[in-house]
PDB file of N, CA and C in Angstrom:
ATOM      1  N   MET A   1      -2.603   4.755  -1.200  1.00  0.00           N
ATOM      2  CA  MET A   1      -2.985   4.601  -2.589  1.00  0.00           C
ATOM      3  C   MET A   1      -2.808   3.155  -3.044  1.00  0.00           C
ATOM      4  N   THR A   2      -1.646   2.568  -2.756  1.00  0.00           N
ATOM      5  CA  THR A   2      -1.422   1.208  -3.244  1.00  0.00           C
ATOM      6  C   THR A   2      -2.277   0.186  -2.509  1.00  0.00           C
ATOM      7  N   VAL A   3      -2.696   0.493  -1.289  1.00  0.00           N
ATOM      8  CA  VAL A   3      -3.616  -0.398  -0.583  1.00  0.00           C
ATOM      9  C   VAL A   3      -4.986  -0.332  -1.251  1.00  0.00           C
ATOM     10  N   ALA A   4      -5.431   0.874  -1.582  1.00  0.00           N
ATOM     11  CA  ALA A   4      -6.736   1.052  -2.206  1.00  0.00           C
ATOM     12  C   ALA A   4      -6.811   0.393  -3.577  1.00  0.00           C
ATOM     13  N   LEU A   5      -5.698   0.353  -4.296  1.00  0.00           N
ATOM     14  CA  LEU A   5      -5.690  -0.234  -5.634  1.00  0.00           C
ATOM     15  C   LEU A   5      -5.349  -1.719  -5.633  1.00  0.00           C
ATOM     16  N   GLY A   6      -5.078  -2.271  -4.456  1.00  0.00           N
ATOM     17  CA  GLY A   6      -4.891  -3.705  -4.361  1.00  0.00           C
ATOM     18  C   GLY A   6      -3.471  -4.212  -4.480  1.00  0.00           C
ATOM     19  N   THR A   7      -2.473  -3.336  -4.604  1.00  0.00           N
ATOM     20  CA  THR A   7      -1.101  -3.815  -4.747  1.00  0.00           C
ATOM     21  C   THR A   7      -0.425  -4.060  -3.414  1.00  0.00           C
ATOM     22  N   ASN A   8      -0.942  -3.515  -2.337  1.00  0.00           N
ATOM     23  CA  ASN A   8      -0.417  -3.726  -0.991  1.00  0.00           C
ATOM     24  C   ASN A   8      -1.571  -4.008  -0.051  1.00  0.00           C
ATOM     25  N   ARG A   9      -1.245  -4.612   1.066  1.00  0.00           N
ATOM     26  CA  ARG A   9      -2.246  -4.882   2.087  1.00  0.00           C
ATOM     27  C   ARG A   9      -1.618  -4.641   3.452  1.00  0.00           C
ATOM     28  N   VAL A  10      -2.354  -4.003   4.333  1.00  0.00           N
ATOM     29  CA  VAL A  10      -1.892  -3.786   5.698  1.00  0.00           C
ATOM     30  C   VAL A  10      -2.311  -5.007   6.510  1.00  0.00           C
ATOM     31  N   VAL A  11      -1.322  -5.737   7.042  1.00  0.00           N
ATOM     32  CA  VAL A  11      -1.636  -6.947   7.802  1.00  0.00           C
ATOM     33  C   VAL A  11      -1.343  -6.789   9.282  1.00  0.00           C
ATOM     34  N   GLY A  12      -0.724  -5.698   9.676  1.00  0.00           N
ATOM     35  CA  GLY A  12      -0.452  -5.452  11.078  1.00  0.00           C
ATOM     36  C   GLY A  12       0.801  -6.157  11.571  1.00  0.00           C
ATOM     37  N   THR A  13       0.894  -6.309  12.870  1.00  0.00           N
ATOM     38  CA  THR A  13       2.091  -6.882  13.482  1.00  0.00           C
ATOM     39  C   THR A  13       1.873  -8.291  14.018  1.00  0.00           C
ATOM     40  N   ASP A  14       0.683  -8.823  13.858  1.00  0.00           N
ATOM     41  CA  ASP A  14       0.392 -10.172  14.323  1.00  0.00           C
ATOM     42  C   ASP A  14       1.142 -11.185  13.461  1.00  0.00           C
ATOM     43  N   SER A  15       1.983 -11.992  14.095  1.00  0.00           N
ATOM     44  CA  SER A  15       2.829 -12.922  13.333  1.00  0.00           C
ATOM     45  C   SER A  15       1.999 -13.919  12.530  1.00  0.00           C
ATOM     46  N   GLY A  16       0.853 -14.318  13.048  1.00  0.00           N
ATOM     47  CA  GLY A  16      -0.007 -15.234  12.301  1.00  0.00           C
ATOM     48  C   GLY A  16      -0.512 -14.627  11.008  1.00  0.00           C
ATOM     49  N   ARG A  17      -0.950 -13.382  11.075  1.00  0.00           N
ATOM     50  CA  ARG A  17      -1.435 -12.697   9.857  1.00  0.00           C
ATOM     51  C   ARG A  17      -0.299 -12.471   8.873  1.00  0.00           C
ATOM     52  N   ILE A  18       0.891 -12.150   9.389  1.00  0.00           N
ATOM     53  CA  ILE A  18       2.046 -11.944   8.513  1.00  0.00           C
ATOM     54  C   ILE A  18       2.390 -13.239   7.794  1.00  0.00           C
ATOM     55  N   LEU A  19       2.435 -14.339   8.526  1.00  0.00           N
ATOM     56  CA  LEU A  19       2.759 -15.631   7.905  1.00  0.00           C
ATOM     57  C   LEU A  19       1.671 -16.081   6.933  1.00  0.00           C
ATOM     58  N   ASP A  20       0.408 -15.845   7.276  1.00  0.00           N
ATOM     59  CA  ASP A  20      -0.678 -16.167   6.342  1.00  0.00           C
ATOM     60  C   ASP A  20      -0.540 -15.368   5.047  1.00  0.00           C
ATOM     61  N   SER A  21      -0.181 -14.097   5.175  1.00  0.00           N
ATOM     62  CA  SER A  21       0.001 -13.248   3.992  1.00  0.00           C
ATOM     63  C   SER A  21       1.190 -13.714   3.167  1.00  0.00           C
ATOM     64  N   LEU A  22       2.262 -14.128   3.846  1.00  0.00           N
ATOM     65  CA  LEU A  22       3.426 -14.661   3.134  1.00  0.00           C
ATOM     66  C   LEU A  22       3.043 -15.916   2.358  1.00  0.00           C
ATOM     67  N   ASP A  23       2.243 -16.775   2.969  1.00  0.00           N
ATOM     68  CA  ASP A  23       1.770 -17.980   2.267  1.00  0.00           C
ATOM     69  C   ASP A  23       0.988 -17.610   1.017  1.00  0.00           C
ATOM     70  N   GLU A  24       0.144 -16.575   1.126  1.00  0.00           N
ATOM     71  CA  GLU A  24      -0.623 -16.124  -0.047  1.00  0.00           C
ATOM     72  C   GLU A  24       0.302 -15.648  -1.155  1.00  0.00           C
ATOM     73  N   ILE A  25       1.314 -14.881  -0.779  1.00  0.00           N
ATOM     74  CA  ILE A  25       2.268 -14.366  -1.768  1.00  0.00           C
ATOM     75  C   ILE A  25       2.995 -15.512  -2.450  1.00  0.00           C
ATOM     76  N   MET A  26       3.503 -16.441  -1.646  1.00  0.00           N
ATOM     77  CA  MET A  26       4.306 -17.542  -2.183  1.00  0.00           C
ATOM     78  C   MET A  26       3.477 -18.487  -3.063  1.00  0.00           C
ATOM     79  N   SER A  27       2.176 -18.592  -2.784  1.00  0.00           N
ATOM     80  CA  SER A  27       1.323 -19.466  -3.593  1.00  0.00           C
ATOM     81  C   SER A  27       0.779 -18.773  -4.835  1.00  0.00           C
ATOM     82  N   GLY A  28       1.053 -17.468  -4.952  1.00  0.00           N
ATOM     83  CA  GLY A  28       0.562 -16.720  -6.115  1.00  0.00           C
ATOM     84  C   GLY A  28      -0.850 -16.208  -5.952  1.00  0.00           C
ATOM     85  N   ALA A  29      -1.415 -16.320  -4.750  1.00  0.00           N
ATOM     86  CA  ALA A  29      -2.797 -15.904  -4.522  1.00  0.00           C
ATOM     87  C   ALA A  29      -2.927 -14.427  -4.157  1.00  0.00           C
ATOM     88  N   TRP A  30      -1.815 -13.716  -4.020  1.00  0.00           N
ATOM     89  CA  TRP A  30      -1.864 -12.290  -3.678  1.00  0.00           C
ATOM     90  C   TRP A  30      -2.390 -11.510  -4.875  1.00  0.00           C
ATOM     91  N   PRO A  31      -3.328 -10.595  -4.668  1.00  0.00           N
ATOM     92  CA  PRO A  31      -3.873  -9.839  -5.811  1.00  0.00           C
ATOM     93  C   PRO A  31      -2.804  -8.959  -6.464  1.00  0.00           C
ATOM     94  N   SER A  32      -2.885  -8.842  -7.773  1.00  0.00           N
ATOM     95  CA  SER A  32      -1.895  -8.035  -8.492  1.00  0.00           C
ATOM     96  C   SER A  32      -2.232  -6.555  -8.470  1.00  0.00           C
ATOM     97  N   GLY A  33      -3.502  -6.202  -8.363  1.00  0.00           N
ATOM     98  CA  GLY A  33      -3.885  -4.799  -8.286  1.00  0.00           C
ATOM     99  C   GLY A  33      -3.688  -4.063  -9.591  1.00  0.00           C
ATOM    100  N   ARG A  34      -3.774  -2.748  -9.503  1.00  0.00           N
ATOM    101  CA  ARG A  34      -3.588  -1.880 -10.670  1.00  0.00           C
ATOM    102  C   ARG A  34      -2.418  -0.957 -10.407  1.00  0.00           C
ATOM    103  N   ARG A  35      -1.829  -0.473 -11.473  1.00  0.00           N
ATOM    104  CA  ARG A  35      -0.752   0.509 -11.351  1.00  0.00           C
ATOM    105  C   ARG A  35      -1.363   1.863 -10.989  1.00  0.00           C
ATOM    106  N   PRO A  36      -0.919   2.468  -9.883  1.00  0.00           N
ATOM    107  CA  PRO A  36      -1.474   3.760  -9.474  1.00  0.00           C
ATOM    108  C   PRO A  36      -1.178   4.864 -10.488  1.00  0.00           C
ATOM    109  N   PRO A  37      -2.068   5.858 -10.566  1.00  0.00           N
ATOM    110  CA  PRO A  37      -1.815   6.998 -11.448  1.00  0.00           C
ATOM    111  C   PRO A  37      -0.494   7.675 -11.072  1.00  0.00           C
ATOM    112  N   LEU A  38       0.213   8.150 -12.043  1.00  0.00           N
ATOM    113  CA  LEU A  38       1.497   8.849 -11.876  1.00  0.00           C
ATOM    114  C   LEU A  38       2.598   7.942 -11.322  1.00  0.00           C
ATOM    115  N   TRP A  39       2.418   6.630 -11.376  1.00  0.00           N
ATOM    116  CA  TRP A  39       3.409   5.685 -10.876  1.00  0.00           C
ATOM    117  C   TRP A  39       4.514   5.566 -11.910  1.00  0.00           C
ATOM    118  N   ASP A  40       5.412   6.529 -11.882  1.00  0.00           N
ATOM    119  CA  ASP A  40       6.450   6.590 -12.911  1.00  0.00           C
ATOM    120  C   ASP A  40       7.854   6.655 -12.327  1.00  0.00           C
ATOM    121  N   GLY A  41       7.992   6.450 -11.020  1.00  0.00           N
ATOM    122  CA  GLY A  41       9.300   6.493 -10.392  1.00  0.00           C
ATOM    123  C   GLY A  41       9.781   7.899 -10.072  1.00  0.00           C
ATOM    124  N   ASN A  42       8.934   8.881 -10.269  1.00  0.00           N
ATOM    125  CA  ASN A  42       9.334  10.270 -10.062  1.00  0.00           C
ATOM    126  C   ASN A  42       8.597  10.943  -8.909  1.00  0.00           C
ATOM    127  N   ALA A  43       7.985  10.160  -8.028  1.00  0.00           N
ATOM    128  CA  ALA A  43       7.203  10.739  -6.936  1.00  0.00           C
ATOM    129  C   ALA A  43       8.062  11.620  -6.035  1.00  0.00           C
ATOM    130  N   SER A  44       9.280  11.172  -5.728  1.00  0.00           N
ATOM    131  CA  SER A  44      10.115  11.969  -4.820  1.00  0.00           C
ATOM    132  C   SER A  44      10.445  13.326  -5.424  1.00  0.00           C
ATOM    133  N   GLU A  45      10.625  13.370  -6.731  1.00  0.00           N
ATOM    134  CA  GLU A  45      10.908  14.651  -7.390  1.00  0.00           C
ATOM    135  C   GLU A  45       9.696  15.571  -7.313  1.00  0.00           C
ATOM    136  N   ARG A  46       8.493  14.997  -7.471  1.00  0.00           N
ATOM    137  CA  ARG A  46       7.286  15.823  -7.371  1.00  0.00           C
ATOM    138  C   ARG A  46       7.082  16.323  -5.949  1.00  0.00           C
ATOM    139  N   VAL A  47       7.384  15.480  -4.963  1.00  0.00           N
ATOM    140  CA  VAL A  47       7.263  15.906  -3.567  1.00  0.00           C
ATOM    141  C   VAL A  47       8.246  17.033  -3.282  1.00  0.00           C
ATOM    142  N   LEU A  48       9.488  16.864  -3.714  1.00  0.00           N
ATOM    143  CA  LEU A  48      10.497  17.904  -3.512  1.00  0.00           C
ATOM    144  C   LEU A  48      10.073  19.198  -4.197  1.00  0.00           C
ATOM    145  N   ASP A  49       9.584  19.086  -5.412  1.00  0.00           N
ATOM    146  CA  ASP A  49       9.127  20.263  -6.151  1.00  0.00           C
ATOM    147  C   ASP A  49       8.027  20.987  -5.378  1.00  0.00           C
ATOM    148  N   ALA A  50       7.071  20.223  -4.848  1.00  0.00           N
ATOM    149  CA  ALA A  50       5.969  20.841  -4.099  1.00  0.00           C
ATOM    150  C   ALA A  50       6.481  21.511  -2.833  1.00  0.00           C
ATOM    151  N   LEU A  51       7.421  20.871  -2.137  1.00  0.00           N
ATOM    152  CA  LEU A  51       7.971  21.460  -0.921  1.00  0.00           C
ATOM    153  C   LEU A  51       8.762  22.726  -1.210  1.00  0.00           C
ATOM    154  N   LEU A  52       9.566  22.678  -2.245  1.00  0.00           N
ATOM    155  CA  LEU A  52      10.361  23.859  -2.590  1.00  0.00           C
ATOM    156  C   LEU A  52       9.481  24.989  -3.110  1.00  0.00           C
ATOM    157  N   GLU A  53       8.446  24.633  -3.855  1.00  0.00           N
ATOM    158  CA  GLU A  53       7.519  25.651  -4.351  1.00  0.00           C
ATOM    159  C   GLU A  53       6.839  26.353  -3.171  1.00  0.00           C
ATOM    160  N   GLU A  54       6.525  25.584  -2.157  1.00  0.00           N
ATOM    161  CA  GLU A  54       5.911  26.146  -0.957  1.00  0.00           C
ATOM    162  C   GLU A  54       6.846  27.176  -0.312  1.00  0.00           C
ATOM    163  N   GLU A  55       8.132  26.952  -0.435  1.00  0.00           N
ATOM    164  CA  GLU A  55       9.127  27.865   0.128  1.00  0.00           C
ATOM    165  C   GLU A  55       9.555  28.944  -0.864  1.00  0.00           C
ATOM    166  N   GLY A  56       8.971  28.939  -2.047  1.00  0.00           N
ATOM    167  CA  GLY A  56       9.287  29.960  -3.034  1.00  0.00           C
ATOM    168  C   GLY A  56      10.564  29.687  -3.808  1.00  0.00           C
ATOM    169  N   GLU A  57      11.051  28.456  -3.775  1.00  0.00           N
ATOM    170  CA  GLU A  57      12.255  28.104  -4.517  1.00  0.00           C
ATOM    171  C   GLU A  57      11.866  27.235  -5.704  1.00  0.00           C
ATOM    172  N   ARG A  58      12.836  26.990  -6.555  1.00  0.00           N
ATOM    173  CA  ARG A  58      12.611  26.135  -7.714  1.00  0.00           C
ATOM    174  C   ARG A  58      13.479  24.897  -7.573  1.00  0.00           C
ATOM    175  N   VAL A  59      12.997  23.776  -8.082  1.00  0.00           N
ATOM    176  CA  VAL A  59      13.756  22.533  -8.020  1.00  0.00           C
ATOM    177  C   VAL A  59      15.093  22.688  -8.720  1.00  0.00           C
ATOM    178  N   ALA A  60      15.145  23.452  -9.783  1.00  0.00           N
ATOM    179  CA  ALA A  60      16.393  23.632 -10.515  1.00  0.00           C
ATOM    180  C   ALA A  60      17.485  24.258  -9.630  1.00  0.00           C
ATOM    181  N   ASP A  61      17.095  25.014  -8.628  1.00  0.00           N
ATOM    182  CA  ASP A  61      18.056  25.652  -7.741  1.00  0.00           C
ATOM    183  C   ASP A  61      18.480  24.742  -6.582  1.00  0.00           C
ATOM    184  N   ALA A  62      17.772  23.619  -6.424  1.00  0.00           N
ATOM    185  CA  ALA A  62      18.056  22.725  -5.294  1.00  0.00           C
ATOM    186  C   ALA A  62      19.221  21.810  -5.629  1.00  0.00           C
ATOM    187  N   PRO A  63      19.984  21.403  -4.631  1.00  0.00           N
ATOM    188  CA  PRO A  63      21.076  20.465  -4.893  1.00  0.00           C
ATOM    189  C   PRO A  63      20.514  19.107  -5.308  1.00  0.00           C
ATOM    190  N   VAL A  64      21.220  18.429  -6.172  1.00  0.00           N
ATOM    191  CA  VAL A  64      20.810  17.109  -6.619  1.00  0.00           C
ATOM    192  C   VAL A  64      21.369  16.095  -5.623  1.00  0.00           C
ATOM    193  N   LEU A  65      20.497  15.228  -5.134  1.00  0.00           N
ATOM    194  CA  LEU A  65      20.906  14.198  -4.178  1.00  0.00           C
ATOM    195  C   LEU A  65      21.324  12.952  -4.937  1.00  0.00           C
ATOM    196  N   ALA A  66      22.470  12.397  -4.592  1.00  0.00           N
ATOM    197  CA  ALA A  66      22.928  11.165  -5.235  1.00  0.00           C
ATOM    198  C   ALA A  66      22.109  10.008  -4.702  1.00  0.00           C
ATOM    199  N   SER A  67      21.810   9.062  -5.577  1.00  0.00           N
ATOM    200  CA  SER A  67      21.039   7.890  -5.137  1.00  0.00           C
ATOM    201  C   SER A  67      21.940   6.727  -4.851  1.00  0.00           C
TER     202      SER A  67
END
């Protein structure tokens, strides 16, 4: 999602491409992109909810993980 919206780019493992990308970032030439839909810091909670729902449980019954 973030690659499609321009906030990230896959550059691979080639050291030349990585360094070229770092130069772009440091010079301010890296695209800023758009904020993805639902980008609210709660993705992990939605994923957990979907997984637990699949198992017939509710998030409220799940243990809270400390961050």
